[in-house]
Protein backbone atom coordinates (compact mmCIF):
# COMPACT_ATOMS: atom_id res chain seq x y z
CA MET A 1 -96.22 25.43 51.79
CA ALA A 2 -93.98 22.61 50.59
CA ARG A 3 -91.05 23.47 48.39
CA ALA A 4 -92.05 23.43 44.72
CA ALA A 5 -88.69 22.08 43.59
CA SER A 6 -88.49 19.45 40.84
CA GLY A 7 -90.62 16.46 41.80
CA GLN A 8 -92.05 18.09 44.93
CA ILE A 9 -95.79 18.47 45.34
CA ALA A 10 -96.97 21.95 46.34
CA LEU A 11 -98.95 20.79 49.37
CA PRO A 12 -98.89 21.91 52.99
CA LEU A 13 -95.91 20.38 54.79
CA ASP A 14 -98.05 18.92 57.52
CA TRP A 15 -101.38 17.30 58.18
CA SER A 16 -102.35 17.97 61.80
CA ALA A 17 -105.86 16.84 62.58
CA GLY A 18 -107.65 18.74 65.29
CA GLY A 19 -107.51 17.02 68.67
CA SER A 20 -104.62 14.71 67.74
CA ASN A 21 -101.63 14.52 70.07
CA ASP A 22 -99.37 13.55 67.18
CA GLY A 23 -97.05 15.95 65.49
CA PRO A 24 -97.44 16.96 61.85
CA LEU A 25 -97.18 14.45 59.04
CA ILE A 26 -94.61 15.61 56.51
CA VAL A 27 -96.11 15.51 53.01
CA GLY A 28 -94.12 15.02 49.81
CA THR A 29 -94.38 13.28 46.47
CA SER A 30 -94.11 9.80 48.02
CA ASN A 31 -97.26 10.14 50.16
CA ALA A 32 -99.17 13.07 48.68
CA ASP A 33 -101.63 10.92 46.72
CA ALA A 34 -102.45 8.84 49.81
CA VAL A 35 -102.93 11.93 51.98
CA ARG A 36 -105.14 13.56 49.38
CA TYR A 37 -107.32 10.44 49.13
CA LEU A 38 -107.65 10.10 52.91
CA ARG A 39 -108.73 13.72 53.21
CA HIS A 40 -111.54 13.36 50.66
CA VAL A 41 -113.63 10.54 52.08
CA ALA A 42 -116.76 11.79 50.34
CA THR A 43 -115.28 10.74 46.98
CA TRP A 44 -114.56 7.11 48.01
CA PRO A 45 -116.31 4.57 45.74
CA VAL A 46 -116.58 2.20 48.72
CA ARG A 47 -116.31 3.14 52.38
CA THR A 48 -113.03 1.26 52.84
CA ALA A 49 -109.42 1.80 51.78
CA VAL A 50 -106.14 0.00 52.40
CA LEU A 51 -102.96 1.96 53.17
CA THR A 52 -99.58 0.32 52.62
CA GLY A 53 -96.04 1.59 52.96
CA PRO A 54 -92.58 0.72 54.24
CA PRO A 55 -91.77 0.70 57.97
CA GLY A 56 -91.21 4.18 59.37
CA SER A 57 -93.17 5.85 56.56
CA GLY A 58 -95.76 7.36 58.89
CA ARG A 59 -98.59 5.04 57.91
CA SER A 60 -99.77 4.59 61.52
CA LEU A 61 -99.60 8.35 62.06
CA MET A 62 -101.67 8.83 58.92
CA GLY A 63 -104.18 6.37 60.33
CA ARG A 64 -104.46 8.24 63.62
CA LEU A 65 -104.85 11.57 61.84
CA PHE A 66 -107.46 10.02 59.53
CA ALA A 67 -109.44 8.69 62.51
CA SER A 68 -109.29 12.06 64.26
CA ASP A 69 -110.23 13.94 61.10
CA THR A 70 -113.11 11.72 59.94
CA GLY A 71 -114.26 9.72 62.94
CA GLY A 72 -113.71 6.57 60.91
CA ARG A 73 -112.29 3.27 62.12
CA VAL A 74 -108.68 2.24 61.59
CA ILE A 75 -107.36 -1.33 61.69
CA ASP A 76 -103.60 -0.91 62.07
CA GLY A 77 -102.20 -4.17 60.77
CA HIS A 78 -104.61 -6.47 58.96
CA GLY A 79 -103.18 -9.42 60.88
CA SER A 80 -103.97 -7.76 64.21
CA VAL A 81 -107.59 -8.86 63.96
CA SER A 82 -109.31 -11.95 62.56
CA GLU A 83 -110.59 -12.17 59.01
CA GLU A 84 -114.11 -12.31 60.44
CA ASP A 85 -113.51 -9.00 62.24
CA VAL A 86 -112.23 -7.39 59.04
CA PHE A 87 -115.26 -8.76 57.17
CA HIS A 88 -117.70 -7.34 59.73
CA ALA A 89 -115.82 -4.01 59.81
CA TRP A 90 -116.08 -3.78 56.01
CA ASN A 91 -119.83 -4.44 56.13
CA ALA A 92 -120.32 -1.97 58.99
CA ALA A 93 -118.51 0.75 57.05
CA GLN A 94 -120.75 0.25 54.02
CA SER A 95 -123.97 0.26 56.04
CA SER A 96 -123.12 3.13 58.39
CA GLY A 97 -121.21 5.32 55.96
CA SER A 98 -118.39 5.73 58.47
CA PRO A 99 -115.12 5.03 56.62
CA LEU A 100 -112.76 2.15 57.38
CA LEU A 101 -109.00 2.34 56.82
CA ILE A 102 -106.90 -0.83 56.96
CA ILE A 103 -103.15 -0.33 57.38
CA ALA A 104 -100.97 -3.16 56.13
CA GLY A 105 -97.48 -3.96 54.95
CA ALA A 106 -98.76 -5.32 51.63
CA PRO A 107 -101.89 -5.05 49.45
CA PRO A 108 -104.80 -7.46 49.99
CA SER A 109 -103.72 -9.52 46.96
CA ASP A 110 -100.74 -10.69 49.07
CA TRP A 111 -102.71 -11.55 52.23
CA ASN A 112 -103.64 -15.20 51.54
CA ILE A 113 -107.24 -14.55 52.59
CA ALA A 114 -109.18 -17.69 53.54
CA LEU A 115 -112.69 -16.18 53.53
CA PRO A 116 -113.93 -15.94 49.91
CA ASP A 117 -116.47 -13.22 50.76
CA LEU A 118 -113.78 -11.08 52.35
CA ALA A 119 -111.41 -11.61 49.43
CA SER A 120 -114.07 -10.53 46.95
CA ARG A 121 -114.90 -7.40 48.94
CA LEU A 122 -111.27 -6.38 49.37
CA SER A 123 -110.62 -6.85 45.66
CA ALA A 124 -112.75 -3.73 45.10
CA VAL A 125 -111.00 -1.64 47.76
CA PRO A 126 -108.59 1.14 46.67
CA VAL A 127 -105.01 0.52 47.79
CA LEU A 128 -103.01 3.60 48.77
CA THR A 129 -99.24 3.16 48.63
CA ILE A 130 -96.59 5.28 50.34
CA GLY A 131 -93.34 5.27 48.37
CA GLU A 132 -89.82 5.81 49.64
CA PRO A 133 -89.00 9.48 50.38
CA ASP A 134 -87.77 11.92 47.78
CA ASP A 135 -84.98 14.40 48.54
CA CYS A 136 -87.25 17.15 49.86
CA LEU A 137 -89.30 14.83 52.06
CA ALA A 138 -86.16 13.14 53.40
CA ARG A 139 -84.66 16.49 54.41
CA ASP A 140 -87.89 17.69 55.99
CA LEU A 141 -88.31 14.42 57.88
CA ILE A 142 -84.76 14.48 59.26
CA GLU A 143 -85.29 18.02 60.53
CA ALA A 144 -88.72 17.16 61.97
CA LEU A 145 -87.38 14.10 63.82
CA PHE A 146 -84.62 16.16 65.41
CA ALA A 147 -87.13 18.85 66.35
CA GLN A 148 -89.26 16.18 68.08
CA ARG A 149 -86.18 15.25 70.12
CA GLY A 150 -85.66 18.90 71.06
CA MET A 151 -82.37 19.10 69.19
CA ALA A 152 -81.22 21.71 66.70
CA LEU A 153 -79.22 20.82 63.61
CA ALA A 154 -76.42 23.00 62.31
CA PRO A 155 -77.29 24.55 58.95
CA GLY A 156 -76.86 22.24 56.00
CA VAL A 157 -76.72 18.97 57.97
CA ALA A 158 -79.91 17.47 56.54
CA SER A 159 -78.88 18.43 53.01
CA TYR A 160 -75.48 16.82 53.63
CA ILE A 161 -77.01 13.55 54.83
CA VAL A 162 -79.65 12.92 52.16
CA PRO A 163 -77.48 12.26 49.07
CA ARG A 164 -75.07 10.10 51.11
CA MET A 165 -77.50 7.66 52.68
CA GLU A 166 -79.68 4.77 51.57
CA ARG A 167 -83.00 6.33 50.62
CA SER A 168 -85.51 4.75 52.97
CA TYR A 169 -87.60 5.73 55.98
CA ALA A 170 -85.93 3.03 58.06
CA MET A 171 -82.48 4.48 57.34
CA ILE A 172 -83.65 8.01 58.16
CA HIS A 173 -84.76 6.85 61.60
CA ARG A 174 -81.46 4.96 62.13
CA VAL A 175 -79.41 8.01 61.11
CA VAL A 176 -81.31 10.37 63.40
CA ALA A 177 -81.04 7.95 66.36
CA ALA A 178 -77.30 7.50 65.77
CA LEU A 179 -76.63 11.24 65.57
CA ASP A 180 -78.78 11.94 68.62
CA ALA A 181 -76.84 9.36 70.65
CA ALA A 182 -73.46 10.63 69.43
CA SER A 183 -74.37 14.23 70.21
CA LEU A 184 -75.45 13.35 73.76
CA GLU A 185 -72.44 11.12 74.37
CA GLN A 186 -69.87 13.62 73.10
CA GLY A 187 -71.63 16.80 74.19
CA ARG A 188 -71.40 18.20 70.67
CA ARG A 189 -73.92 19.88 68.41
CA VAL A 190 -74.97 17.88 65.37
CA GLY A 191 -72.90 19.53 62.67
CA ILE A 192 -71.30 18.28 59.46
CA ARG A 193 -68.14 16.97 61.17
CA LEU A 194 -70.00 14.97 63.83
CA THR A 195 -72.40 13.70 61.19
CA ARG A 196 -69.60 12.51 58.92
CA GLU A 197 -67.69 10.82 61.76
CA THR A 198 -70.75 9.10 63.19
CA LEU A 199 -72.27 7.84 59.99
CA LEU A 200 -68.94 6.50 58.74
CA SER A 201 -68.07 4.79 62.03
CA GLN A 202 -71.47 3.07 62.17
CA GLY A 203 -71.54 2.09 58.50
CA LEU A 204 -74.60 4.19 57.74
CA ILE A 205 -73.04 5.79 54.65
CA ASP A 206 -70.91 4.24 51.92
CA PRO A 207 -67.29 5.45 52.33
CA ASP A 208 -66.57 4.99 48.61
CA LEU A 209 -69.61 7.06 47.67
CA LEU A 210 -68.64 9.67 50.25
CA GLU A 211 -65.11 9.91 48.83
CA ARG A 212 -66.40 10.29 45.28
CA GLN A 213 -68.87 13.00 46.26
CA GLU A 214 -66.41 14.97 48.35
CA SER A 215 -63.73 14.80 45.65
CA THR A 216 -66.11 16.23 43.04
CA PRO A 217 -65.46 19.95 42.49
């Protein structure tokens, strides 16, 4: 189960749909509501939902797990198909009962939709939003990304990184890639010292913030 620390949702740490080749989706407060909604299709007021979130937040993975779990259709990127295709997909979902999930970088109100009928339909669609990661989710995601690369972290590394970095999924992926490359290049395990050196040299942590934190008793 997920840690029940302050602000953390007591949900399973992963969502692994049967038959999916993807790894687990880490669940925390920033995406728990979206995951819960996607896993309870029977309660949907309409057979369509829109999922938004920042880059690197796992929204495409959530879409693949949703498709595997429900058999529904996923449009990953509303601009990847025409408005007519989205319109027909919406109608097909309502008539067949098979759910439709549209993944986008912004809610439909920001899409500049030309088709009035599509705009009116999407105005009634629930929008699920993935927020930026909290402390627990950020730590779990760092550890999971290293595990996917087949690399072990020294104890305490993820907890050292989280309060010293910009809190975003994009930064988490940059940090993990930088540490992976540094570890391979130098032949060193990813410990606190390598982490500090690498993140400072690449400007991935604020040196002033680091100095203040490390000088605090």
